[in-house]
Amino acid sequence: MNNGVAIAFAVIFVLVGLIGLVLFKEARTHRFWRQLVAENNVEAIRDIMAGEIERWRTQRPPKGISAAVWAGVQGMELITANAKYVHLTTSAEPEFRLVEGKQSQVATSLDTARATTALLLEMVFYDVPNFRPDVTRVDIYTAFRDASGSAVPTPILSVTAERDDAMYVDWDEEPRVVIDEFASTYTLSDSGEAQPIALPEEDPALAEFEPDPAPAAASENSGNPHSG
């Protein structure tokens, strides 16, 4: 074997070793964060969610998602998060486009709210690394005018979705169809416009969830909870 071949084998060996080390460390990091979630470490869970929310706020909207819907995604706020449950809130407004030279409404505030909610549910259930909540709730607000003419944020839609039900949902369906697969609260006027609603009471068993006692995770380097 000449020197060139020996050097090539050495380089390959080193590269394979480095790749294996990276994969091992990444797998260990994922195990670490999943263990923290299983123990209902709320601080770790909120860190995971905060990282994903920040990523969604800075990324470009996926193809086919309107600017009004993506604004709702970027404006979301985390209310509650634990090992079983995530509660989010955001806002939705009507969507207008230039049609034949005139600004025309192409979506009501409820249309935008439905589409935003369907997208958020899918993202929380399937896009968050190291965290798989059983239940996700999304509350959507829009601006209504009070007696003085001031815009007041008012809830128009609340959806609570369970992962077991989400498994059977066709996420490519219209948002109206998707959210009606879950526990949805909204009211329409005779003209089909959204009306203010009273938000459902939050289930204390979800908001104050405590997991069964489990052995503490072995101490490991935490790494980055948002990788992978």
Protein backbone atom coordinates (compact mmCIF):
# COMPACT_ATOMS: atom_id res chain seq x y z
CA MET A 1 0.00 0.00 0.00
CA ASN A 2 1.55 3.30 -1.04
CA ASN A 3 1.54 6.43 1.07
CA GLY A 4 -1.28 8.06 -0.91
CA VAL A 5 -3.69 5.21 -0.26
CA ALA A 6 -2.73 5.10 3.42
CA ILE A 7 -3.35 8.83 3.79
CA ALA A 8 -6.73 8.50 2.03
CA PHE A 9 -7.80 5.71 4.41
CA ALA A 10 -6.64 7.78 7.39
CA VAL A 11 -8.64 10.80 6.24
CA ILE A 12 -11.74 8.65 5.70
CA PHE A 13 -11.30 7.09 9.15
CA VAL A 14 -11.03 10.52 10.80
CA LEU A 15 -14.07 11.86 8.93
CA VAL A 16 -16.18 8.83 9.87
CA GLY A 17 -15.08 9.21 13.48
CA LEU A 18 -15.99 12.90 13.54
CA ILE A 19 -19.39 12.26 12.00
CA GLY A 20 -20.05 9.49 14.51
CA LEU A 21 -19.06 11.78 17.39
CA VAL A 22 -21.37 14.54 16.17
CA LEU A 23 -24.27 12.11 15.81
CA PHE A 24 -23.61 10.64 19.26
CA LYS A 25 -23.56 14.08 20.90
CA GLU A 26 -26.72 15.13 19.07
CA ALA A 27 -28.55 11.96 20.12
CA ARG A 28 -27.42 12.49 23.72
CA THR A 29 -28.65 16.10 23.60
CA HIS A 30 -32.07 15.00 22.33
CA ARG A 31 -32.32 12.38 25.10
CA PHE A 32 -31.44 15.01 27.69
CA TRP A 33 -34.15 17.44 26.61
CA ARG A 34 -36.76 14.72 26.18
CA GLN A 35 -36.06 13.56 29.71
CA LEU A 36 -36.56 17.10 31.02
CA VAL A 37 -39.89 17.25 29.19
CA ALA A 38 -40.94 13.87 30.60
CA GLU A 39 -40.19 15.20 34.09
CA ASN A 40 -42.37 18.27 33.35
CA ASN A 41 -39.48 20.69 33.71
CA VAL A 42 -41.56 23.73 32.79
CA GLU A 43 -38.53 26.00 32.35
CA ALA A 44 -37.00 23.62 29.81
CA ILE A 45 -40.33 23.20 28.00
CA ARG A 46 -40.81 26.96 27.76
CA ASP A 47 -37.24 27.27 26.45
CA ILE A 48 -38.02 24.73 23.73
CA MET A 49 -41.23 26.51 22.76
CA ALA A 50 -39.61 29.96 22.92
CA GLY A 51 -36.88 28.80 20.56
CA GLU A 52 -39.40 27.47 18.05
CA ILE A 53 -41.59 30.57 18.28
CA GLU A 54 -38.56 32.75 17.59
CA ARG A 55 -37.60 30.56 14.63
CA TRP A 56 -41.12 30.80 13.18
CA ARG A 57 -41.08 34.58 13.64
CA THR A 58 -37.92 34.98 11.60
CA GLN A 59 -38.43 32.45 8.82
CA ARG A 60 -40.11 33.12 5.50
CA PRO A 61 -43.75 32.03 5.19
CA PRO A 62 -44.24 28.62 3.61
CA LYS A 63 -45.52 28.53 0.06
CA GLY A 64 -49.28 29.06 -0.10
CA ILE A 65 -49.57 30.74 3.32
CA SER A 66 -51.03 34.25 3.11
CA ALA A 67 -49.34 37.25 4.71
CA ALA A 68 -52.33 37.70 7.04
CA VAL A 69 -52.07 34.14 8.35
CA TRP A 70 -48.30 34.30 8.73
CA ALA A 71 -48.65 37.56 10.66
CA GLY A 72 -50.74 35.59 13.15
CA VAL A 73 -48.03 32.95 13.42
CA GLN A 74 -45.35 35.58 13.96
CA GLY A 75 -47.47 37.40 16.54
CA MET A 76 -48.25 34.38 18.70
CA GLU A 77 -47.66 34.45 22.45
CA LEU A 78 -47.15 31.48 24.75
CA ILE A 79 -49.54 31.44 27.72
CA THR A 80 -48.95 28.00 29.24
CA ALA A 81 -46.69 25.07 28.50
CA ASN A 82 -46.05 21.82 30.32
CA ALA A 83 -45.31 18.22 29.40
CA LYS A 84 -48.93 17.60 28.37
CA TYR A 85 -50.33 20.95 27.28
CA VAL A 86 -49.57 24.10 25.26
CA HIS A 87 -51.76 27.21 25.24
CA LEU A 88 -51.10 29.91 22.62
CA THR A 89 -52.78 33.15 21.69
CA THR A 90 -52.51 35.47 18.70
CA SER A 91 -54.61 37.82 16.56
CA ALA A 92 -56.26 37.76 13.14
CA GLU A 93 -57.54 40.48 10.85
CA PRO A 94 -59.48 40.49 7.55
CA GLU A 95 -57.37 40.15 4.43
CA PHE A 96 -57.61 42.62 1.56
CA ARG A 97 -56.14 42.40 -1.93
CA LEU A 98 -56.11 44.53 -5.03
CA VAL A 99 -58.78 43.09 -7.32
CA GLU A 100 -59.40 44.80 -10.68
CA GLY A 101 -57.75 47.94 -9.39
CA LYS A 102 -59.73 48.09 -6.14
CA GLN A 103 -58.99 46.95 -2.60
CA SER A 104 -61.37 44.07 -1.91
CA GLN A 105 -61.81 41.86 1.15
CA VAL A 106 -60.88 38.29 0.28
CA ALA A 107 -61.00 36.82 3.80
CA THR A 108 -62.88 37.74 6.97
CA SER A 109 -61.19 37.91 10.34
CA LEU A 110 -62.66 34.47 11.12
CA ASP A 111 -61.28 33.05 7.85
CA THR A 112 -57.83 34.27 8.87
CA ALA A 113 -58.33 33.01 12.43
CA ARG A 114 -59.29 29.53 11.23
CA ALA A 115 -56.32 29.29 8.86
CA THR A 116 -53.91 30.60 11.51
CA THR A 117 -55.22 28.16 14.11
CA ALA A 118 -55.01 25.16 11.79
CA LEU A 119 -51.42 26.06 10.90
CA LEU A 120 -50.38 26.61 14.53
CA LEU A 121 -51.89 23.32 15.65
CA GLU A 122 -50.05 21.41 12.95
CA MET A 123 -46.76 23.16 13.75
CA VAL A 124 -46.99 22.56 17.51
CA PHE A 125 -48.00 18.93 17.12
CA TYR A 126 -45.41 17.99 14.50
CA ASP A 127 -42.64 20.60 14.15
CA VAL A 128 -41.36 21.14 17.70
CA PRO A 129 -38.26 19.04 18.48
CA ASN A 130 -38.03 16.99 21.67
CA PHE A 131 -41.56 17.90 22.77
CA ARG A 132 -44.87 16.24 21.89
CA PRO A 133 -47.76 17.82 23.85
CA ASP A 134 -50.96 15.79 24.07
CA VAL A 135 -53.22 18.86 23.94
CA THR A 136 -52.83 22.26 22.26
CA ARG A 137 -55.15 25.23 22.67
CA VAL A 138 -55.15 28.34 20.46
CA ASP A 139 -57.15 31.50 21.23
CA ILE A 140 -57.54 34.10 18.48
CA TYR A 141 -58.41 37.77 19.00
CA THR A 142 -59.40 40.50 16.58
CA ALA A 143 -60.10 44.22 16.92
CA PHE A 144 -63.65 45.36 17.65
CA ARG A 145 -64.69 48.98 18.16
CA ASP A 146 -66.11 49.92 21.54
CA ALA A 147 -68.65 52.69 22.21
CA SER A 148 -65.92 55.32 22.07
CA GLY A 149 -64.64 54.06 18.74
CA SER A 150 -61.42 52.61 20.18
CA ALA A 151 -60.18 49.25 18.89
CA VAL A 152 -60.40 46.60 21.61
CA PRO A 153 -58.80 43.14 21.22
CA THR A 154 -61.66 40.66 21.50
CA PRO A 155 -61.64 36.84 21.25
CA ILE A 156 -63.44 35.35 18.25
CA LEU A 157 -62.12 31.78 18.15
CA SER A 158 -60.82 29.19 20.61
CA VAL A 159 -59.77 25.69 19.60
CA THR A 160 -58.56 22.91 21.87
CA ALA A 161 -57.05 19.97 19.99
CA GLU A 162 -55.90 16.56 21.20
CA ARG A 163 -53.02 14.77 19.52
CA ASP A 164 -55.04 11.54 19.29
CA ASP A 165 -57.63 13.36 17.17
CA ALA A 166 -54.99 15.22 15.15
CA MET A 167 -53.64 11.90 13.86
CA TYR A 168 -56.80 11.44 11.79
CA VAL A 169 -57.09 14.98 10.43
CA ASP A 170 -56.43 15.78 6.78
CA TRP A 171 -54.33 18.91 7.25
CA ASP A 172 -54.65 19.74 3.55
CA GLU A 173 -58.39 20.29 3.98
CA GLU A 174 -59.85 23.79 4.26
CA PRO A 175 -59.06 25.36 7.67
CA ARG A 176 -62.79 25.49 8.48
CA VAL A 177 -62.97 21.70 8.12
CA VAL A 178 -59.76 21.15 10.10
CA ILE A 179 -60.70 23.15 13.19
CA ASP A 180 -64.20 21.67 13.30
CA GLU A 181 -62.53 18.31 13.93
CA PHE A 182 -61.59 19.64 17.38
CA ALA A 183 -63.33 21.41 20.27
CA SER A 184 -63.95 24.79 18.62
CA THR A 185 -65.74 27.85 19.98
CA TYR A 186 -66.89 30.64 17.65
CA THR A 187 -70.08 32.49 16.78
CA LEU A 188 -71.23 33.91 13.45
CA SER A 189 -73.58 36.80 12.74
CA ASP A 190 -76.36 36.47 10.16
CA SER A 191 -73.96 37.92 7.59
CA GLY A 192 -71.31 35.33 8.42
CA GLU A 193 -68.98 37.65 10.31
CA ALA A 194 -67.28 36.57 13.53
CA GLN A 195 -68.83 37.69 16.79
CA PRO A 196 -67.14 38.17 20.19
CA ILE A 197 -67.07 35.01 22.29
CA ALA A 198 -66.49 34.13 25.92
CA LEU A 199 -63.34 32.04 26.08
CA PRO A 200 -63.79 28.55 27.54
CA GLU A 201 -62.47 27.95 31.03
CA GLU A 202 -59.00 26.43 31.05
CA ASP A 203 -58.94 22.85 32.31
CA PRO A 204 -56.98 22.90 35.62
CA ALA A 205 -55.95 19.30 35.07
CA LEU A 206 -54.09 20.41 31.95
CA ALA A 207 -52.76 23.77 33.10
CA GLU A 208 -51.46 22.33 36.40
CA PHE A 209 -50.41 18.93 35.06
CA GLU A 210 -47.93 16.94 37.15
CA PRO A 211 -46.38 13.79 35.68
CA ASP A 212 -45.94 10.53 37.55
CA PRO A 213 -42.69 10.44 39.55
CA ALA A 214 -39.78 9.12 37.52
CA PRO A 215 -36.06 8.60 38.15
CA ALA A 216 -34.03 11.75 37.57
CA ALA A 217 -32.14 11.92 34.32
CA ALA A 218 -28.43 11.39 34.40
CA SER A 219 -26.51 14.64 34.24
CA GLU A 220 -25.53 15.39 30.67
CA ASN A 221 -24.42 18.39 28.68
CA SER A 222 -27.63 20.21 27.73
CA GLY A 223 -26.53 21.39 24.29
CA ASN A 224 -29.11 23.08 22.07
CA PRO A 225 -32.77 22.09 22.68
CA HIS A 226 -33.82 23.33 19.25
CA SER A 227 -31.48 21.29 17.06
CA GLY A 228 -32.76 18.49 14.90
